């Protein structure tokens, strides 16, 4: 029997970027049937790919890169697919000395866009499509089925454990974000909640819990709100997203998990550029302030508005078509 081809995919972080790799993982495994597929990821993000049936083995980056390299070297891979293409992944590729395909981050094009507002990016392409460019020598094609996200039974949040106000349906609102300029200020979140006017589950990390409580207290009994921020694991929060009627959220990881579950997504973009990071493979509507000459100012968000006015969020028009 012909031995399997051992392939390593590298993508260390973050949530959305890892979720986008699910398309590549599936297409590789289905279109190259005689492969053993390994995946290297940061230990803190392992739950995102742990239950993916197309992945045969995980390799986790903890505190010591050298430990990871030694473990990978023992596997004797036939091919490395680098979907991160940063200093650490380049170090791994160099140390392992195996044939490698790496994705083009289009760094110069993105710099031109963020610095000078000159858009030379490939038209009509998502970052997930850039991942596929790296696979061109393997003749792997996009199957058009979108993204995947897999949950274990213990990750599923039962509806009967939620307040009675939410057991017959709710909308998920992702209030978290990796940077200040990717998140709506409080007054705009209030306006958004008022216009949604439906039972809400707030999704975010422990760092978003206080903001969630502020919204909860503002509306008191006027709007049924469950503040789930920091109260569930990452995958349990994903389960809530999966069970929502639809999803509103900032440009952040759970928004792309919602896309993997084929939810209708209302994506809120401030400082960042939706043309390469829109909700992939699902129905969506973008909420953005398109009239600003200073957008985009970052590919991944900033700690503060470089202009000081934060108009991309403060003057964002909250308008959308209801589907519930």
Protein backbone atom coordinates (compact mmCIF):
# COMPACT_ATOMS: atom_id res chain seq x y z
CA UNK A 1 0.00 0.00 0.00
CA UNK A 2 1.32 3.42 -0.96
CA UNK A 3 2.34 5.43 2.15
CA UNK A 4 0.34 8.55 2.87
CA UNK A 5 1.75 11.97 2.03
CA UNK A 6 2.32 13.86 5.30
CA UNK A 7 1.33 17.52 5.06
CA UNK A 8 1.69 20.19 7.73
CA UNK A 9 -0.46 23.34 7.72
CA UNK A 10 0.77 26.24 9.86
CA UNK A 11 -1.62 28.92 11.12
CA UNK A 12 -0.94 30.00 14.69
CA UNK A 13 -3.61 32.69 15.20
CA UNK A 14 -6.08 34.41 15.41
CA UNK A 15 -9.68 33.20 15.56
CA UNK A 16 -10.92 34.47 12.21
CA UNK A 17 -7.73 33.59 10.35
CA UNK A 18 -7.83 30.04 11.69
CA UNK A 19 -11.51 29.63 10.80
CA UNK A 20 -10.70 30.73 7.23
CA UNK A 21 -8.23 27.83 6.94
CA UNK A 22 -11.08 25.34 7.35
CA UNK A 23 -11.89 25.66 3.67
CA UNK A 24 -8.32 24.75 2.68
CA UNK A 25 -8.26 21.87 5.17
CA UNK A 26 -11.45 20.34 3.80
CA UNK A 27 -10.50 20.70 0.15
CA UNK A 28 -7.05 19.25 0.72
CA UNK A 29 -8.40 16.20 2.51
CA UNK A 30 -11.18 15.58 0.01
CA UNK A 31 -9.17 16.23 -3.15
CA UNK A 32 -5.97 14.47 -2.03
CA UNK A 33 -7.35 11.30 -0.44
CA UNK A 34 -4.03 9.69 0.42
CA UNK A 35 -2.73 12.33 2.83
CA UNK A 36 -2.12 12.60 6.56
CA UNK A 37 -2.94 16.17 7.50
CA UNK A 38 -1.32 17.87 10.49
CA UNK A 39 -2.03 21.38 11.79
CA UNK A 40 0.22 23.66 13.89
CA UNK A 41 -1.59 26.28 15.98
CA UNK A 42 -1.10 28.25 19.19
CA UNK A 43 -2.21 26.24 22.21
CA UNK A 44 -4.72 28.94 23.14
CA UNK A 45 -6.57 28.46 19.85
CA UNK A 46 -6.49 24.66 19.71
CA UNK A 47 -10.24 24.37 20.38
CA UNK A 48 -10.93 26.02 17.02
CA UNK A 49 -9.55 23.03 15.11
CA UNK A 50 -9.53 20.28 17.72
CA UNK A 51 -12.73 18.65 16.49
CA UNK A 52 -12.18 19.09 12.75
CA UNK A 53 -12.48 15.55 11.29
CA UNK A 54 -10.25 16.46 8.35
CA UNK A 55 -7.24 17.07 10.63
CA UNK A 56 -5.33 13.96 11.69
CA UNK A 57 -3.07 15.53 14.31
CA UNK A 58 -2.52 18.87 16.04
CA UNK A 59 0.82 20.39 17.03
CA UNK A 60 0.57 23.13 19.62
CA UNK A 61 2.78 26.20 20.03
CA UNK A 62 3.01 26.92 23.74
CA UNK A 63 5.85 28.94 25.28
CA UNK A 64 8.80 27.33 23.53
CA UNK A 65 9.13 27.42 19.75
CA UNK A 66 12.09 25.05 19.90
CA UNK A 67 9.94 22.34 21.49
CA UNK A 68 7.46 22.65 18.65
CA UNK A 69 10.20 22.51 16.02
CA UNK A 70 11.69 19.36 17.51
CA UNK A 71 8.29 17.68 17.57
CA UNK A 72 7.61 18.64 13.97
CA UNK A 73 11.04 17.49 12.84
CA UNK A 74 10.29 13.99 14.17
CA UNK A 75 7.24 13.76 11.88
CA UNK A 76 9.35 13.98 8.70
CA UNK A 77 6.74 15.83 6.65
CA UNK A 78 6.63 15.65 2.87
CA UNK A 79 5.17 19.14 2.48
CA UNK A 80 4.56 22.28 4.54
CA UNK A 81 1.76 24.74 3.76
CA UNK A 82 2.42 27.99 5.59
CA UNK A 83 -0.81 29.97 5.93
CA UNK A 84 0.68 32.35 8.49
CA UNK A 85 3.92 33.43 6.84
CA UNK A 86 5.48 35.27 9.76
CA UNK A 87 8.84 35.12 11.52
CA UNK A 88 8.04 31.98 13.53
CA UNK A 89 6.48 30.04 10.68
CA UNK A 90 9.42 31.00 8.46
CA UNK A 91 11.79 29.73 11.15
CA UNK A 92 9.95 26.40 11.23
CA UNK A 93 10.12 26.08 7.46
CA UNK A 94 13.85 26.84 7.45
CA UNK A 95 14.62 24.42 10.30
CA UNK A 96 12.59 21.56 8.82
CA UNK A 97 14.01 22.03 5.36
CA UNK A 98 11.00 20.57 3.58
CA UNK A 99 9.22 21.60 0.41
CA UNK A 100 6.95 24.52 1.27
CA UNK A 101 4.10 26.54 -0.18
CA UNK A 102 3.37 29.82 1.61
CA UNK A 103 0.46 32.20 1.21
CA UNK A 104 1.01 35.67 -0.18
CA UNK A 105 -0.06 38.21 2.44
CA UNK A 106 -0.13 41.01 -0.18
CA UNK A 107 1.66 43.11 2.45
CA UNK A 108 2.74 45.90 0.09
CA UNK A 109 -0.75 46.24 -1.36
CA UNK A 110 -2.30 46.38 2.11
CA UNK A 111 0.29 48.93 3.25
CA UNK A 112 -0.47 51.14 0.26
CA UNK A 113 -4.17 50.94 1.07
CA UNK A 114 -3.83 51.69 4.78
CA UNK A 115 -1.14 54.36 4.41
CA UNK A 116 -2.10 56.13 1.18
CA UNK A 117 -5.62 54.81 0.40
CA UNK A 118 -4.37 53.37 -2.89
CA UNK A 119 -6.18 50.10 -3.55
CA UNK A 120 -4.06 47.73 -5.63
CA UNK A 121 -5.35 44.55 -3.98
CA UNK A 122 -6.55 41.70 -6.23
CA UNK A 123 -10.23 42.44 -6.94
CA UNK A 124 -13.02 40.34 -5.46
CA UNK A 125 -10.73 38.21 -3.33
CA UNK A 126 -11.04 37.32 0.34
CA UNK A 127 -8.06 36.32 2.48
CA UNK A 128 -9.43 32.76 2.33
CA UNK A 129 -8.93 32.97 -1.45
CA UNK A 130 -5.32 34.06 -0.88
CA UNK A 131 -4.84 30.86 1.12
CA UNK A 132 -5.92 28.93 -1.96
CA UNK A 133 -3.30 30.68 -4.08
CA UNK A 134 -0.68 28.83 -2.03
CA UNK A 135 -2.21 25.51 -3.10
CA UNK A 136 -2.09 26.22 -6.84
CA UNK A 137 0.85 23.81 -7.47
CA UNK A 138 -1.23 21.02 -5.91
CA UNK A 139 -4.20 21.75 -8.21
CA UNK A 140 -6.54 22.02 -5.24
CA UNK A 141 -9.67 24.00 -6.09
CA UNK A 142 -12.18 25.82 -3.94
CA UNK A 143 -15.29 23.64 -3.66
CA UNK A 144 -17.51 26.65 -2.99
CA UNK A 145 -19.00 25.17 0.18
CA UNK A 146 -17.74 27.89 2.50
CA UNK A 147 -16.18 27.53 5.93
CA UNK A 148 -16.45 24.82 8.58
CA UNK A 149 -16.61 24.93 12.35
CA UNK A 150 -16.97 21.81 14.48
CA UNK A 151 -18.21 21.57 18.06
CA UNK A 152 -17.98 18.71 20.53
CA UNK A 153 -21.17 17.66 22.38
CA UNK A 154 -19.86 19.26 25.56
CA UNK A 155 -19.55 22.59 23.73
CA UNK A 156 -23.25 22.75 22.88
CA UNK A 157 -25.23 25.15 25.08
CA UNK A 158 -28.75 23.81 25.64
CA UNK A 159 -31.51 26.33 24.95
CA UNK A 160 -33.35 25.36 28.12
CA UNK A 161 -30.44 26.71 30.18
CA UNK A 162 -31.03 30.21 28.81
CA UNK A 163 -33.58 32.65 30.24
CA UNK A 164 -37.16 31.92 29.15
CA UNK A 165 -37.13 35.18 27.17
CA UNK A 166 -34.49 33.65 24.87
CA UNK A 167 -35.68 30.06 24.51
CA UNK A 168 -37.91 30.78 21.50
CA UNK A 169 -35.25 32.63 19.57
CA UNK A 170 -32.57 35.27 20.03
CA UNK A 171 -30.08 37.35 18.07
CA UNK A 172 -26.37 37.20 18.84
CA UNK A 173 -24.55 40.51 19.18
CA UNK A 174 -20.75 40.18 19.22
CA UNK A 175 -19.58 43.19 21.22
CA UNK A 176 -15.95 42.05 21.51
CA UNK A 177 -13.10 43.08 19.27
CA UNK A 178 -9.33 42.84 19.19
CA UNK A 179 -8.79 46.62 19.06
CA UNK A 180 -10.53 49.82 20.17
CA UNK A 181 -11.12 51.06 16.61
CA UNK A 182 -12.93 47.86 15.66
CA UNK A 183 -15.63 48.35 18.32
CA UNK A 184 -18.68 50.59 18.46
CA UNK A 185 -18.74 53.13 21.30
CA UNK A 186 -21.40 52.58 23.93
CA UNK A 187 -23.92 55.08 22.56
CA UNK A 188 -23.83 53.40 19.14
CA UNK A 189 -24.24 49.96 20.72
CA UNK A 190 -27.34 51.32 22.47
CA UNK A 191 -28.69 52.60 19.16
CA UNK A 192 -28.00 49.24 17.52
CA UNK A 193 -29.78 47.31 20.28
CA UNK A 194 -32.78 49.62 20.05
CA UNK A 195 -33.07 49.03 16.32
CA UNK A 196 -32.66 45.26 16.62
CA UNK A 197 -35.42 45.26 19.28
CA UNK A 198 -35.32 41.50 19.88
CA UNK A 199 -33.94 39.27 22.66
CA UNK A 200 -30.15 39.54 22.52
CA UNK A 201 -27.25 37.39 23.62
CA UNK A 202 -24.04 39.42 23.98
CA UNK A 203 -20.95 37.53 22.82
CA UNK A 204 -17.44 38.42 23.94
CA UNK A 205 -14.58 37.53 26.22
CA UNK A 206 -13.97 38.26 29.89
CA UNK A 207 -12.61 41.66 28.85
CA UNK A 208 -16.04 42.54 27.41
CA UNK A 209 -18.06 41.55 30.48
CA UNK A 210 -18.18 45.09 31.92
CA UNK A 211 -19.39 46.56 28.63
CA UNK A 212 -22.05 43.87 28.49
CA UNK A 213 -23.22 44.71 32.02
CA UNK A 214 -23.39 48.37 31.07
CA UNK A 215 -25.75 47.55 28.21
CA UNK A 216 -27.76 45.21 30.42
CA UNK A 217 -28.20 47.90 33.07
CA UNK A 218 -29.04 50.58 30.51
CA UNK A 219 -31.98 48.62 29.12
CA UNK A 220 -33.03 47.09 32.45
CA UNK A 221 -36.32 45.32 31.70
CA UNK A 222 -36.99 47.20 28.45
CA UNK A 223 -35.11 44.70 26.26
CA UNK A 224 -34.29 41.07 27.10
CA UNK A 225 -30.49 40.86 27.13
CA UNK A 226 -28.28 37.97 28.23
CA UNK A 227 -24.70 39.03 28.86
CA UNK A 228 -22.74 35.90 27.89
CA UNK A 229 -19.38 37.71 27.75
CA UNK A 230 -16.77 35.84 29.76
CA UNK A 231 -19.30 33.29 31.01
CA UNK A 232 -18.76 30.64 28.35
CA UNK A 233 -15.76 29.06 26.67
CA UNK A 234 -14.85 30.11 23.15
CA UNK A 235 -16.59 27.07 21.68
CA UNK A 236 -19.64 27.42 23.91
CA UNK A 237 -19.98 31.00 22.68
CA UNK A 238 -19.74 29.56 19.18
CA UNK A 239 -22.66 27.28 20.08
CA UNK A 240 -24.72 30.33 21.01
CA UNK A 241 -23.81 31.92 17.69
CA UNK A 242 -24.85 28.72 15.92
CA UNK A 243 -28.28 28.80 17.57
CA UNK A 244 -28.97 32.50 16.95
CA UNK A 245 -31.51 33.63 14.36
CA UNK A 246 -28.86 35.92 12.92
CA UNK A 247 -25.67 37.60 14.08
CA UNK A 248 -24.52 41.21 14.44
CA UNK A 249 -20.89 41.86 15.25
CA UNK A 250 -17.65 43.70 14.91
CA UNK A 251 -14.85 42.54 12.62
CA UNK A 252 -13.68 39.82 14.98
CA UNK A 253 -13.37 36.06 15.32
CA UNK A 254 -16.90 35.00 16.26
CA UNK A 255 -18.25 36.92 13.29
CA UNK A 256 -16.36 34.52 11.03
CA UNK A 257 -17.50 31.55 13.10
CA UNK A 258 -21.05 32.77 12.38
CA UNK A 259 -20.20 32.69 8.67
CA UNK A 260 -19.01 29.09 9.06
CA UNK A 261 -22.45 28.24 10.48
CA UNK A 262 -24.03 29.96 7.43
CA UNK A 263 -25.80 32.55 9.57
CA UNK A 264 -27.09 35.82 8.16
CA UNK A 265 -24.39 38.21 9.36
CA UNK A 266 -24.52 41.97 9.89
CA UNK A 267 -20.84 42.91 9.96
CA UNK A 268 -19.72 46.19 11.52
CA UNK A 269 -16.47 47.64 10.18
CA UNK A 270 -14.70 50.71 11.53
CA UNK A 271 -10.99 51.09 10.96
CA UNK A 272 -10.60 47.91 8.89
CA UNK A 273 -11.32 47.00 5.28
CA UNK A 274 -14.25 44.61 4.60
CA UNK A 275 -13.33 43.85 0.99
CA UNK A 276 -10.77 41.19 2.02
CA UNK A 277 -12.31 40.05 5.32
CA UNK A 278 -16.07 40.02 4.80
CA UNK A 279 -18.16 37.12 6.20
CA UNK A 280 -17.16 34.36 3.81
CA UNK A 281 -19.61 31.97 2.18
CA UNK A 282 -22.79 33.25 3.80
CA UNK A 283 -25.39 35.99 3.40
CA UNK A 284 -24.23 39.25 4.92
CA UNK A 285 -24.70 42.99 5.13
CA UNK A 286 -21.84 45.40 5.83
CA UNK A 287 -22.36 48.33 8.18
CA UNK A 288 -19.62 50.90 7.59
CA UNK A 289 -19.04 54.62 7.18
CA UNK A 290 -17.97 54.61 3.55
CA UNK A 291 -17.69 58.38 3.18
CA UNK A 292 -14.45 58.80 5.11
CA UNK A 293 -11.20 59.48 3.27
CA UNK A 294 -9.21 58.19 6.26
CA UNK A 295 -10.58 54.63 6.01
CA UNK A 296 -9.08 52.10 6.25
CA UNK A 297 -6.31 53.13 8.62
CA UNK A 298 -5.29 49.64 9.77
CA UNK A 299 -5.53 46.02 8.67
CA UNK A 300 -6.09 44.77 12.22
CA UNK A 301 -7.28 47.72 14.33
CA UNK A 302 -5.69 50.39 16.53
CA UNK A 303 -5.65 51.38 20.18
CA UNK A 304 -7.06 54.79 19.27
CA UNK A 305 -8.20 56.78 16.26
CA UNK A 306 -5.12 58.35 14.61
CA UNK A 307 -7.22 61.38 13.62
CA UNK A 308 -8.77 61.73 17.05
CA UNK A 309 -12.37 61.92 15.81
CA UNK A 310 -13.26 58.21 15.44
CA UNK A 311 -15.87 59.10 12.85
CA UNK A 312 -15.78 55.62 11.31
CA UNK A 313 -17.75 54.40 14.32
CA UNK A 314 -19.18 57.52 15.97
CA UNK A 315 -20.86 58.63 12.73
CA UNK A 316 -21.75 55.16 11.47
CA UNK A 317 -25.32 54.98 10.18
CA UNK A 318 -27.11 52.13 11.93
CA UNK A 319 -29.36 50.93 9.12
CA UNK A 320 -30.14 47.36 8.08
CA UNK A 321 -32.87 45.15 6.68
CA UNK A 322 -34.55 42.99 9.32
CA UNK A 323 -34.83 39.29 8.49
CA UNK A 324 -36.43 38.07 11.73
